[in-house]
């Protein structure tokens, strides 16, 4: 089918509109994708700490005496009731560690009893990596400390590189210590419940690749909807009407008299023509 000048203009305009609309929708959807991932990650860490607090609060200050009566009480509690992300439990009595589910009885290891809540040790003696824990005072000079397993940040790493910041110590996926932080394209999400932040250094190539892989259905659906809108507007809408209305309002339609002559080339009348002048007219009739 041959495309005349008017149809070519229509096609260019609607194609440009279609591309811009599709890109705008993708940008909005990509923003929701990033926001959803970051919020979900913060909520997961919040829930981990919530479950740990609930687990510890079910204990009491007599846990040491009960431990003496039942040798493996804490191990049973840990296996039965603890959140799956808790690796071990420690008991601190009068400022000293006295028991740990990993190594058993502990002697002469001091703890600062003022350091409660969410805390982090930059380098563990066992793993040589940071270790995150949560401490709760259960009374009678007894503190229960729950150690967390390694962080799982695979979800937020879809956007680039992510890590949790606690007391200015940055811990990435699998409890890797992050020293080389970058402010470029990074953003921070603070927990509203606990003293930590989630930092994401967004790498746009990585984020877009994962977004397209995870959102293929939405991408195709959006493309079909926008393409259908493009077809309907292109087929049934008269763009000439809107272009001419604007030309008239901008005084780009001017009258010209076309002379009418007889066979002797004598002017015997005239025909008034309306001509569209201006930059839009030149582009339209190219």
C-alpha atoms as a PDB file:
ATOM      1  CA  UNK A   1       0.000   0.000   0.000  1.00  0.00           C
ATOM      2  CA  UNK A   2       1.358   3.393  -0.966  1.00  0.00           C
ATOM      3  CA  UNK A   3       1.680   5.885   1.876  1.00  0.00           C
ATOM      4  CA  UNK A   4       0.998   9.486   0.908  1.00  0.00           C
ATOM      5  CA  UNK A   5       2.456  12.510   2.649  1.00  0.00           C
ATOM      6  CA  UNK A   6      -0.481  12.990   5.012  1.00  0.00           C
ATOM      7  CA  UNK A   7      -0.464   9.345   6.117  1.00  0.00           C
ATOM      8  CA  UNK A   8       3.273   9.493   6.588  1.00  0.00           C
ATOM      9  CA  UNK A   9       2.904  12.469   8.938  1.00  0.00           C
ATOM     10  CA  UNK A  10       0.166  10.651  10.862  1.00  0.00           C
ATOM     11  CA  UNK A  11       2.332   7.568  11.154  1.00  0.00           C
ATOM     12  CA  UNK A  12       5.337   9.530  12.421  1.00  0.00           C
ATOM     13  CA  UNK A  13       3.292  11.404  15.017  1.00  0.00           C
ATOM     14  CA  UNK A  14       1.484   8.353  16.350  1.00  0.00           C
ATOM     15  CA  UNK A  15       4.630   6.223  16.324  1.00  0.00           C
ATOM     16  CA  UNK A  16       6.445   8.861  18.370  1.00  0.00           C
ATOM     17  CA  UNK A  17       3.500   9.066  20.760  1.00  0.00           C
ATOM     18  CA  UNK A  18       3.420   5.267  21.060  1.00  0.00           C
ATOM     19  CA  UNK A  19       7.142   5.012  21.842  1.00  0.00           C
ATOM     20  CA  UNK A  20       7.035   7.821  24.417  1.00  0.00           C
ATOM     21  CA  UNK A  21       3.983   6.372  26.150  1.00  0.00           C
ATOM     22  CA  UNK A  22       5.490   2.875  26.282  1.00  0.00           C
ATOM     23  CA  UNK A  23       8.779   4.200  27.696  1.00  0.00           C
ATOM     24  CA  UNK A  24       6.904   6.269  30.276  1.00  0.00           C
ATOM     25  CA  UNK A  25       4.901   3.226  31.432  1.00  0.00           C
ATOM     26  CA  UNK A  26       8.072   1.134  31.617  1.00  0.00           C
ATOM     27  CA  UNK A  27       9.758   3.817  33.705  1.00  0.00           C
ATOM     28  CA  UNK A  28       6.839   3.915  36.138  1.00  0.00           C
ATOM     29  CA  UNK A  29       6.700   0.121  36.349  1.00  0.00           C
ATOM     30  CA  UNK A  30      10.476  -0.060  36.895  1.00  0.00           C
ATOM     31  CA  UNK A  31      10.193   2.416  39.778  1.00  0.00           C
ATOM     32  CA  UNK A  32       7.525   0.234  41.394  1.00  0.00           C
ATOM     33  CA  UNK A  33       9.754  -2.807  40.846  1.00  0.00           C
ATOM     34  CA  UNK A  34      12.668  -1.190  42.703  1.00  0.00           C
ATOM     35  CA  UNK A  35      10.435   0.104  45.494  1.00  0.00           C
ATOM     36  CA  UNK A  36       8.784  -3.285  45.972  1.00  0.00           C
ATOM     37  CA  UNK A  37      12.119  -5.107  46.255  1.00  0.00           C
ATOM     38  CA  UNK A  38      13.621  -2.668  48.775  1.00  0.00           C
ATOM     39  CA  UNK A  39      10.540  -2.537  50.987  1.00  0.00           C
ATOM     40  CA  UNK A  40      10.213  -6.310  50.943  1.00  0.00           C
ATOM     41  CA  UNK A  41      13.859  -6.717  51.989  1.00  0.00           C
ATOM     42  CA  UNK A  42      13.520  -4.303  54.931  1.00  0.00           C
ATOM     43  CA  UNK A  43      10.323  -6.043  56.052  1.00  0.00           C
ATOM     44  CA  UNK A  44      12.099  -9.416  55.949  1.00  0.00           C
ATOM     45  CA  UNK A  45      14.857  -8.177  58.274  1.00  0.00           C
ATOM     46  CA  UNK A  46      12.258  -6.555  60.552  1.00  0.00           C
ATOM     47  CA  UNK A  47      10.387  -9.860  60.771  1.00  0.00           C
ATOM     48  CA  UNK A  48      13.604 -11.712  61.550  1.00  0.00           C
ATOM     49  CA  UNK A  49      14.208  -9.446  64.545  1.00  0.00           C
ATOM     50  CA  UNK A  50      10.522  -9.577  65.580  1.00  0.00           C
ATOM     51  CA  UNK A  51      10.571 -13.374  65.638  1.00  0.00           C
ATOM     52  CA  UNK A  52      13.824 -13.360  67.594  1.00  0.00           C
ATOM     53  CA  UNK A  53      12.348 -11.033  70.229  1.00  0.00           C
ATOM     54  CA  UNK A  54       9.271 -13.219  70.515  1.00  0.00           C
ATOM     55  CA  UNK A  55      11.451 -16.291  70.934  1.00  0.00           C
ATOM     56  CA  UNK A  56      13.612 -14.670  73.621  1.00  0.00           C
ATOM     57  CA  UNK A  57      10.614 -13.250  75.464  1.00  0.00           C
ATOM     58  CA  UNK A  58       9.307 -16.782  75.969  1.00  0.00           C
ATOM     59  CA  UNK A  59      12.351 -17.427  78.153  1.00  0.00           C
ATOM     60  CA  UNK A  60      12.801 -16.120  81.700  1.00  0.00           C
ATOM     61  CA  UNK A  61      15.591 -15.179  84.080  1.00  0.00           C
ATOM     62  CA  UNK A  62      15.657 -18.709  85.488  1.00  0.00           C
ATOM     63  CA  UNK A  63      16.896 -20.147  82.206  1.00  0.00           C
ATOM     64  CA  UNK A  64      20.265 -20.953  83.793  1.00  0.00           C
ATOM     65  CA  UNK A  65      18.744 -22.987  86.597  1.00  0.00           C
ATOM     66  CA  UNK A  66      16.507 -24.779  84.134  1.00  0.00           C
ATOM     67  CA  UNK A  67      19.502 -25.394  81.900  1.00  0.00           C
ATOM     68  CA  UNK A  68      21.197 -27.141  84.815  1.00  0.00           C
ATOM     69  CA  UNK A  69      18.248 -29.468  85.261  1.00  0.00           C
ATOM     70  CA  UNK A  70      17.807 -30.207  81.594  1.00  0.00           C
ATOM     71  CA  UNK A  71      21.159 -30.237  79.838  1.00  0.00           C
ATOM     72  CA  UNK A  72      20.002 -29.554  76.312  1.00  0.00           C
ATOM     73  CA  UNK A  73      17.054 -27.256  77.033  1.00  0.00           C
ATOM     74  CA  UNK A  74      18.288 -24.327  74.923  1.00  0.00           C
ATOM     75  CA  UNK A  75      19.155 -26.622  72.038  1.00  0.00           C
ATOM     76  CA  UNK A  76      15.650 -28.054  72.136  1.00  0.00           C
ATOM     77  CA  UNK A  77      14.120 -24.586  72.259  1.00  0.00           C
ATOM     78  CA  UNK A  78      16.311 -23.470  69.379  1.00  0.00           C
ATOM     79  CA  UNK A  79      15.365 -26.462  67.221  1.00  0.00           C
ATOM     80  CA  UNK A  80      11.673 -26.319  68.092  1.00  0.00           C
ATOM     81  CA  UNK A  81      10.693 -22.665  68.451  1.00  0.00           C
ATOM     82  CA  UNK A  82      13.392 -20.384  67.062  1.00  0.00           C
ATOM     83  CA  UNK A  83      13.152 -18.610  63.759  1.00  0.00           C
ATOM     84  CA  UNK A  84      15.048 -20.528  61.048  1.00  0.00           C
ATOM     85  CA  UNK A  85      17.410 -17.584  60.664  1.00  0.00           C
ATOM     86  CA  UNK A  86      18.753 -17.855  64.233  1.00  0.00           C
ATOM     87  CA  UNK A  87      22.007 -19.806  64.378  1.00  0.00           C
ATOM     88  CA  UNK A  88      22.693 -19.879  68.117  1.00  0.00           C
ATOM     89  CA  UNK A  89      21.682 -18.555  71.543  1.00  0.00           C
ATOM     90  CA  UNK A  90      23.971 -17.190  74.266  1.00  0.00           C
ATOM     91  CA  UNK A  91      23.275 -16.470  77.945  1.00  0.00           C
ATOM     92  CA  UNK A  92      24.947 -13.526  79.692  1.00  0.00           C
ATOM     93  CA  UNK A  93      24.848 -13.429  83.482  1.00  0.00           C
ATOM     94  CA  UNK A  94      26.133 -10.472  85.549  1.00  0.00           C
ATOM     95  CA  UNK A  95      27.972  -9.082  82.536  1.00  0.00           C
ATOM     96  CA  UNK A  96      29.696 -12.332  81.568  1.00  0.00           C
ATOM     97  CA  UNK A  97      28.967 -14.950  78.937  1.00  0.00           C
ATOM     98  CA  UNK A  98      28.192 -18.230  80.693  1.00  0.00           C
ATOM     99  CA  UNK A  99      26.626 -20.411  78.006  1.00  0.00           C
ATOM    100  CA  UNK A 100      26.352 -20.702  74.226  1.00  0.00           C
ATOM    101  CA  UNK A 101      24.454 -23.328  72.268  1.00  0.00           C
ATOM    102  CA  UNK A 102      27.419 -23.744  69.910  1.00  0.00           C
ATOM    103  CA  UNK A 103      30.239 -24.277  72.390  1.00  0.00           C
ATOM    104  CA  UNK A 104      28.449 -24.990  75.673  1.00  0.00           C
ATOM    105  CA  UNK A 105      29.771 -23.466  78.907  1.00  0.00           C
ATOM    106  CA  UNK A 106      31.712 -20.220  78.582  1.00  0.00           C
ATOM    107  CA  UNK A 107      33.939 -18.698  81.241  1.00  0.00           C
ATOM    108  CA  UNK A 108      35.451 -15.271  81.846  1.00  0.00           C
ATOM    109  CA  UNK A 109      34.155 -13.622  78.700  1.00  0.00           C
ATOM    110  CA  UNK A 110      32.924 -10.093  79.485  1.00  0.00           C
ATOM    111  CA  UNK A 111      29.954  -8.364  77.886  1.00  0.00           C
ATOM    112  CA  UNK A 112      28.914  -4.702  78.090  1.00  0.00           C
ATOM    113  CA  UNK A 113      25.387  -4.941  79.501  1.00  0.00           C
ATOM    114  CA  UNK A 114      24.531  -1.467  78.140  1.00  0.00           C
ATOM    115  CA  UNK A 115      24.719  -2.788  74.574  1.00  0.00           C
ATOM    116  CA  UNK A 116      21.209  -4.167  74.059  1.00  0.00           C
ATOM    117  CA  UNK A 117      18.961  -4.531  71.024  1.00  0.00           C
ATOM    118  CA  UNK A 118      20.343  -4.959  67.519  1.00  0.00           C
ATOM    119  CA  UNK A 119      24.128  -5.141  67.461  1.00  0.00           C
ATOM    120  CA  UNK A 120      26.944  -6.263  65.197  1.00  0.00           C
ATOM    121  CA  UNK A 121      30.469  -7.574  65.628  1.00  0.00           C
ATOM    122  CA  UNK A 122      32.733  -6.675  62.729  1.00  0.00           C
ATOM    123  CA  UNK A 123      34.688  -9.923  62.773  1.00  0.00           C
ATOM    124  CA  UNK A 124      33.617 -13.230  64.282  1.00  0.00           C
ATOM    125  CA  UNK A 125      36.237 -15.495  65.831  1.00  0.00           C
ATOM    126  CA  UNK A 126      34.656 -18.484  64.089  1.00  0.00           C
ATOM    127  CA  UNK A 127      33.866 -17.220  60.585  1.00  0.00           C
ATOM    128  CA  UNK A 128      36.146 -14.159  60.276  1.00  0.00           C
ATOM    129  CA  UNK A 129      33.071 -12.330  59.004  1.00  0.00           C
ATOM    130  CA  UNK A 130      30.634  -9.883  60.614  1.00  0.00           C
ATOM    131  CA  UNK A 131      28.006 -11.412  62.863  1.00  0.00           C
ATOM    132  CA  UNK A 132      24.656  -9.800  63.688  1.00  0.00           C
ATOM    133  CA  UNK A 133      22.773 -10.481  66.903  1.00  0.00           C
ATOM    134  CA  UNK A 134      19.921  -9.220  69.063  1.00  0.00           C
ATOM    135  CA  UNK A 135      20.103  -8.899  72.860  1.00  0.00           C
ATOM    136  CA  UNK A 136      17.215  -8.749  75.329  1.00  0.00           C
ATOM    137  CA  UNK A 137      17.371  -8.271  79.115  1.00  0.00           C
ATOM    138  CA  UNK A 138      15.105 -10.951  80.634  1.00  0.00           C
ATOM    139  CA  UNK A 139      15.676  -9.830  84.235  1.00  0.00           C
ATOM    140  CA  UNK A 140      17.649 -11.067  87.220  1.00  0.00           C
ATOM    141  CA  UNK A 141      20.885  -9.726  85.627  1.00  0.00           C
ATOM    142  CA  UNK A 142      20.379 -12.131  82.713  1.00  0.00           C
ATOM    143  CA  UNK A 143      20.638 -11.233  79.027  1.00  0.00           C
ATOM    144  CA  UNK A 144      19.714 -13.532  76.140  1.00  0.00           C
ATOM    145  CA  UNK A 145      21.583 -13.003  72.862  1.00  0.00           C
ATOM    146  CA  UNK A 146      20.295 -14.437  69.581  1.00  0.00           C
ATOM    147  CA  UNK A 147      22.845 -14.723  66.754  1.00  0.00           C
ATOM    148  CA  UNK A 148      21.496 -14.550  63.207  1.00  0.00           C
ATOM    149  CA  UNK A 149      22.543 -16.712  60.312  1.00  0.00           C
ATOM    150  CA  UNK A 150      24.156 -15.143  57.238  1.00  0.00           C
ATOM    151  CA  UNK A 151      22.167 -12.430  55.499  1.00  0.00           C
ATOM    152  CA  UNK A 152      20.324 -13.392  52.345  1.00  0.00           C
ATOM    153  CA  UNK A 153      20.327 -10.337  50.079  1.00  0.00           C
ATOM    154  CA  UNK A 154      19.885 -12.085  46.724  1.00  0.00           C
ATOM    155  CA  UNK A 155      16.583 -10.245  46.213  1.00  0.00           C
ATOM    156  CA  UNK A 156      18.024  -6.742  46.572  1.00  0.00           C
ATOM    157  CA  UNK A 157      21.212  -7.713  44.712  1.00  0.00           C
ATOM    158  CA  UNK A 158      18.983  -7.855  41.640  1.00  0.00           C
ATOM    159  CA  UNK A 159      19.270  -4.069  41.607  1.00  0.00           C
ATOM    160  CA  UNK A 160      23.065  -4.000  41.874  1.00  0.00           C
ATOM    161  CA  UNK A 161      24.915  -4.347  45.177  1.00  0.00           C
ATOM    162  CA  UNK A 162      23.108  -4.184  48.519  1.00  0.00           C
ATOM    163  CA  UNK A 163      24.114  -4.299  52.154  1.00  0.00           C
ATOM    164  CA  UNK A 164      22.724  -3.701  55.638  1.00  0.00           C
ATOM    165  CA  UNK A 165      24.256  -0.897  57.703  1.00  0.00           C
ATOM    166  CA  UNK A 166      24.357  -1.345  61.488  1.00  0.00           C
ATOM    167  CA  UNK A 167      26.433   1.000  63.668  1.00  0.00           C
ATOM    168  CA  UNK A 168      28.260   2.207  60.527  1.00  0.00           C
ATOM    169  CA  UNK A 169      29.308  -1.353  59.645  1.00  0.00           C
ATOM    170  CA  UNK A 170      28.165  -2.533  56.200  1.00  0.00           C
ATOM    171  CA  UNK A 171      27.285  -6.195  55.752  1.00  0.00           C
ATOM    172  CA  UNK A 172      26.403  -7.622  52.341  1.00  0.00           C
ATOM    173  CA  UNK A 173      25.036 -10.937  51.125  1.00  0.00           C
ATOM    174  CA  UNK A 174      26.377 -13.967  53.022  1.00  0.00           C
ATOM    175  CA  UNK A 175      27.668 -11.588  55.747  1.00  0.00           C
ATOM    176  CA  UNK A 176      30.420 -10.198  53.561  1.00  0.00           C
ATOM    177  CA  UNK A 177      32.016  -7.072  55.016  1.00  0.00           C
ATOM    178  CA  UNK A 178      31.626  -4.131  52.610  1.00  0.00           C
ATOM    179  CA  UNK A 179      34.459  -1.593  52.805  1.00  0.00           C
ATOM    180  CA  UNK A 180      34.413  -0.033  49.339  1.00  0.00           C
ATOM    181  CA  UNK A 181      31.058   1.744  49.582  1.00  0.00           C
ATOM    182  CA  UNK A 182      29.991   3.998  46.721  1.00  0.00           C
ATOM    183  CA  UNK A 183      27.605   6.951  46.775  1.00  0.00           C
ATOM    184  CA  UNK A 184      27.026   6.742  43.014  1.00  0.00           C
ATOM    185  CA  UNK A 185      23.392   5.819  42.226  1.00  0.00           C
ATOM    186  CA  UNK A 186      22.936   4.563  45.795  1.00  0.00           C
ATOM    187  CA  UNK A 187      19.887   5.033  47.990  1.00  0.00           C
ATOM    188  CA  UNK A 188      19.127   4.198  51.605  1.00  0.00           C
ATOM    189  CA  UNK A 189      15.990   2.698  53.178  1.00  0.00           C
ATOM    190  CA  UNK A 190      15.820   3.000  56.960  1.00  0.00           C
ATOM    191  CA  UNK A 191      13.878   0.587  59.118  1.00  0.00           C
ATOM    192  CA  UNK A 192      11.052   2.244  61.021  1.00  0.00           C
ATOM    193  CA  UNK A 193      11.335  -0.308  63.852  1.00  0.00           C
ATOM    194  CA  UNK A 194      15.024  -1.037  64.387  1.00  0.00           C
ATOM    195  CA  UNK A 195      18.351   0.717  64.124  1.00  0.00           C
ATOM    196  CA  UNK A 196      19.540  -0.410  60.696  1.00  0.00           C
ATOM    197  CA  UNK A 197      19.411   0.731  57.090  1.00  0.00           C
ATOM    198  CA  UNK A 198      19.379  -1.069  53.770  1.00  0.00           C
ATOM    199  CA  UNK A 199      21.741   0.506  51.237  1.00  0.00           C
ATOM    200  CA  UNK A 200      21.429  -0.294  47.542  1.00  0.00           C
ATOM    201  CA  UNK A 201      24.030   0.745  44.996  1.00  0.00           C
ATOM    202  CA  UNK A 202      21.929   0.540  41.861  1.00  0.00           C
ATOM    203  CA  UNK A 203      23.690  -0.725  38.723  1.00  0.00           C
ATOM    204  CA  UNK A 204      21.254   0.199  35.980  1.00  0.00           C
ATOM    205  CA  UNK A 205      22.339  -2.552  33.550  1.00  0.00           C
ATOM    206  CA  UNK A 206      21.883  -5.242  36.222  1.00  0.00           C
ATOM    207  CA  UNK A 207      18.617  -3.796  37.482  1.00  0.00           C
ATOM    208  CA  UNK A 208      17.088  -3.495  33.995  1.00  0.00           C
ATOM    209  CA  UNK A 209      18.169  -7.006  33.014  1.00  0.00           C
ATOM    210  CA  UNK A 210      16.551  -8.509  36.124  1.00  0.00           C
ATOM    211  CA  UNK A 211      13.493  -6.286  35.749  1.00  0.00           C
ATOM    212  CA  UNK A 212      12.921  -7.482  32.189  1.00  0.00           C
ATOM    213  CA  UNK A 213      13.477 -11.095  33.221  1.00  0.00           C
ATOM    214  CA  UNK A 214      11.085 -10.864  36.193  1.00  0.00           C
ATOM    215  CA  UNK A 215       8.450  -8.715  34.467  1.00  0.00           C
ATOM    216  CA  UNK A 216       8.220 -10.292  31.011  1.00  0.00           C
ATOM    217  CA  UNK A 217       4.445 -10.804  31.286  1.00  0.00           C
ATOM    218  CA  UNK A 218       3.865  -7.172  32.320  1.00  0.00           C
ATOM    219  CA  UNK A 219       6.149  -5.939  29.529  1.00  0.00           C
ATOM    220  CA  UNK A 220       4.316  -7.914  26.853  1.00  0.00           C
ATOM    221  CA  UNK A 221       0.883  -6.980  28.234  1.00  0.00           C
ATOM    222  CA  UNK A 222       1.784  -3.291  28.328  1.00  0.00           C
ATOM    223  CA  UNK A 223       3.150  -3.447  24.783  1.00  0.00           C
ATOM    224  CA  UNK A 224      -0.067  -5.050  23.486  1.00  0.00           C
ATOM    225  CA  UNK A 225      -2.289  -2.485  25.236  1.00  0.00           C
ATOM    226  CA  UNK A 226      -0.294   0.516  24.015  1.00  0.00           C
ATOM    227  CA  UNK A 227      -0.038  -0.932  20.495  1.00  0.00           C
ATOM    228  CA  UNK A 228      -3.828  -1.435  20.409  1.00  0.00           C
ATOM    229  CA  UNK A 229      -4.310   2.190  21.482  1.00  0.00           C
ATOM    230  CA  UNK A 230      -1.892   3.282  18.758  1.00  0.00           C
ATOM    231  CA  UNK A 231      -3.812   1.324  16.097  1.00  0.00           C
ATOM    232  CA  UNK A 232      -7.205   2.698  17.172  1.00  0.00           C
ATOM    233  CA  UNK A 233      -6.029   6.307  17.237  1.00  0.00           C
ATOM    234  CA  UNK A 234      -4.179   5.961  13.959  1.00  0.00           C
ATOM    235  CA  UNK A 235      -7.113   4.365  12.161  1.00  0.00           C
ATOM    236  CA  UNK A 236     -10.034   6.351  13.535  1.00  0.00           C
ATOM    237  CA  UNK A 237      -8.665   9.708  14.648  1.00  0.00           C
ATOM    238  CA  UNK A 238      -8.392  12.667  12.232  1.00  0.00           C
ATOM    239  CA  UNK A 239      -5.213  14.481  13.150  1.00  0.00           C
ATOM    240  CA  UNK A 240      -5.678  16.965  10.291  1.00  0.00           C
ATOM    241  CA  UNK A 241      -8.574  18.506  12.180  1.00  0.00           C
ATOM    242  CA  UNK A 242      -6.430  19.287  15.247  1.00  0.00           C
ATOM    243  CA  UNK A 243      -3.479  20.508  13.205  1.00  0.00           C
ATOM    244  CA  UNK A 244      -5.666  22.888  11.180  1.00  0.00           C
ATOM    245  CA  UNK A 245      -7.394  24.179  14.314  1.00  0.00           C
ATOM    246  CA  UNK A 246      -4.035  25.064  15.783  1.00  0.00           C
ATOM    247  CA  UNK A 247      -2.899  26.625  12.492  1.00  0.00           C
ATOM    248  CA  UNK A 248      -6.009  28.838  12.432  1.00  0.00           C
ATOM    249  CA  UNK A 249      -5.538  29.911  16.049  1.00  0.00           C
ATOM    250  CA  UNK A 250      -1.898  30.764  15.273  1.00  0.00           C
ATOM    251  CA  UNK A 251      -2.921  32.802  12.173  1.00  0.00           C
ATOM    252  CA  UNK A 252      -1.034  30.488   9.842  1.00  0.00           C
ATOM    253  CA  UNK A 253      -3.951  30.239   7.341  1.00  0.00           C
ATOM    254  CA  UNK A 254      -3.740  33.153   4.907  1.00  0.00           C
ATOM    255  CA  UNK A 255      -5.949  34.045   1.878  1.00  0.00           C
ATOM    256  CA  UNK A 256      -4.444  34.266  -1.623  1.00  0.00           C
ATOM    257  CA  UNK A 257      -6.200  35.303  -4.860  1.00  0.00           C
ATOM    258  CA  UNK A 258      -5.667  33.052  -7.850  1.00  0.00           C
ATOM    259  CA  UNK A 259      -6.395  35.106 -11.047  1.00  0.00           C
ATOM    260  CA  UNK A 260      -8.811  33.751 -13.666  1.00  0.00           C
ATOM    261  CA  UNK A 261      -7.951  34.774 -17.238  1.00  0.00           C
ATOM    262  CA  UNK A 262      -9.693  34.353 -20.599  1.00  0.00           C
ATOM    263  CA  UNK A 263      -8.161  33.099 -23.803  1.00  0.00           C
ATOM    264  CA  UNK A 264      -6.623  36.508 -24.394  1.00  0.00           C
ATOM    265  CA  UNK A 265      -4.930  36.298 -20.993  1.00  0.00           C
ATOM    266  CA  UNK A 266      -7.131  39.076 -19.674  1.00  0.00           C
ATOM    267  CA  UNK A 267      -8.017  38.863 -15.992  1.00  0.00           C
ATOM    268  CA  UNK A 268     -11.740  38.387 -15.741  1.00  0.00           C
ATOM    269  CA  UNK A 269     -12.018  37.268 -12.121  1.00  0.00           C
ATOM    270  CA  UNK A 270     -10.285  35.588  -9.261  1.00  0.00           C
ATOM    271  CA  UNK A 271     -10.433  32.561  -7.008  1.00  0.00           C
ATOM    272  CA  UNK A 272      -9.708  32.962  -3.290  1.00  0.00           C
ATOM    273  CA  UNK A 273      -7.492  30.226  -1.889  1.00  0.00           C
ATOM    274  CA  UNK A 274      -6.591  29.563   1.736  1.00  0.00           C
ATOM    275  CA  UNK A 275      -2.998  28.581   2.145  1.00  0.00           C
ATOM    276  CA  UNK A 276      -1.261  27.204   5.222  1.00  0.00           C
ATOM    277  CA  UNK A 277       2.049  28.903   5.863  1.00  0.00           C
ATOM    278  CA  UNK A 278       4.472  28.545   8.742  1.00  0.00           C
ATOM    279  CA  UNK A 279       7.020  26.001  10.000  1.00  0.00           C
ATOM    280  CA  UNK A 280       4.423  23.287  10.707  1.00  0.00           C
ATOM    281  CA  UNK A 281       3.058  23.545   7.166  1.00  0.00           C
ATOM    282  CA  UNK A 282       6.516  23.077   5.653  1.00  0.00           C
ATOM    283  CA  UNK A 283       7.122  20.003   7.852  1.00  0.00           C
ATOM    284  CA  UNK A 284       3.644  18.618   7.116  1.00  0.00           C
ATOM    285  CA  UNK A 285       4.020  18.849   3.327  1.00  0.00           C
ATOM    286  CA  UNK A 286       7.592  17.585   3.060  1.00  0.00           C
END
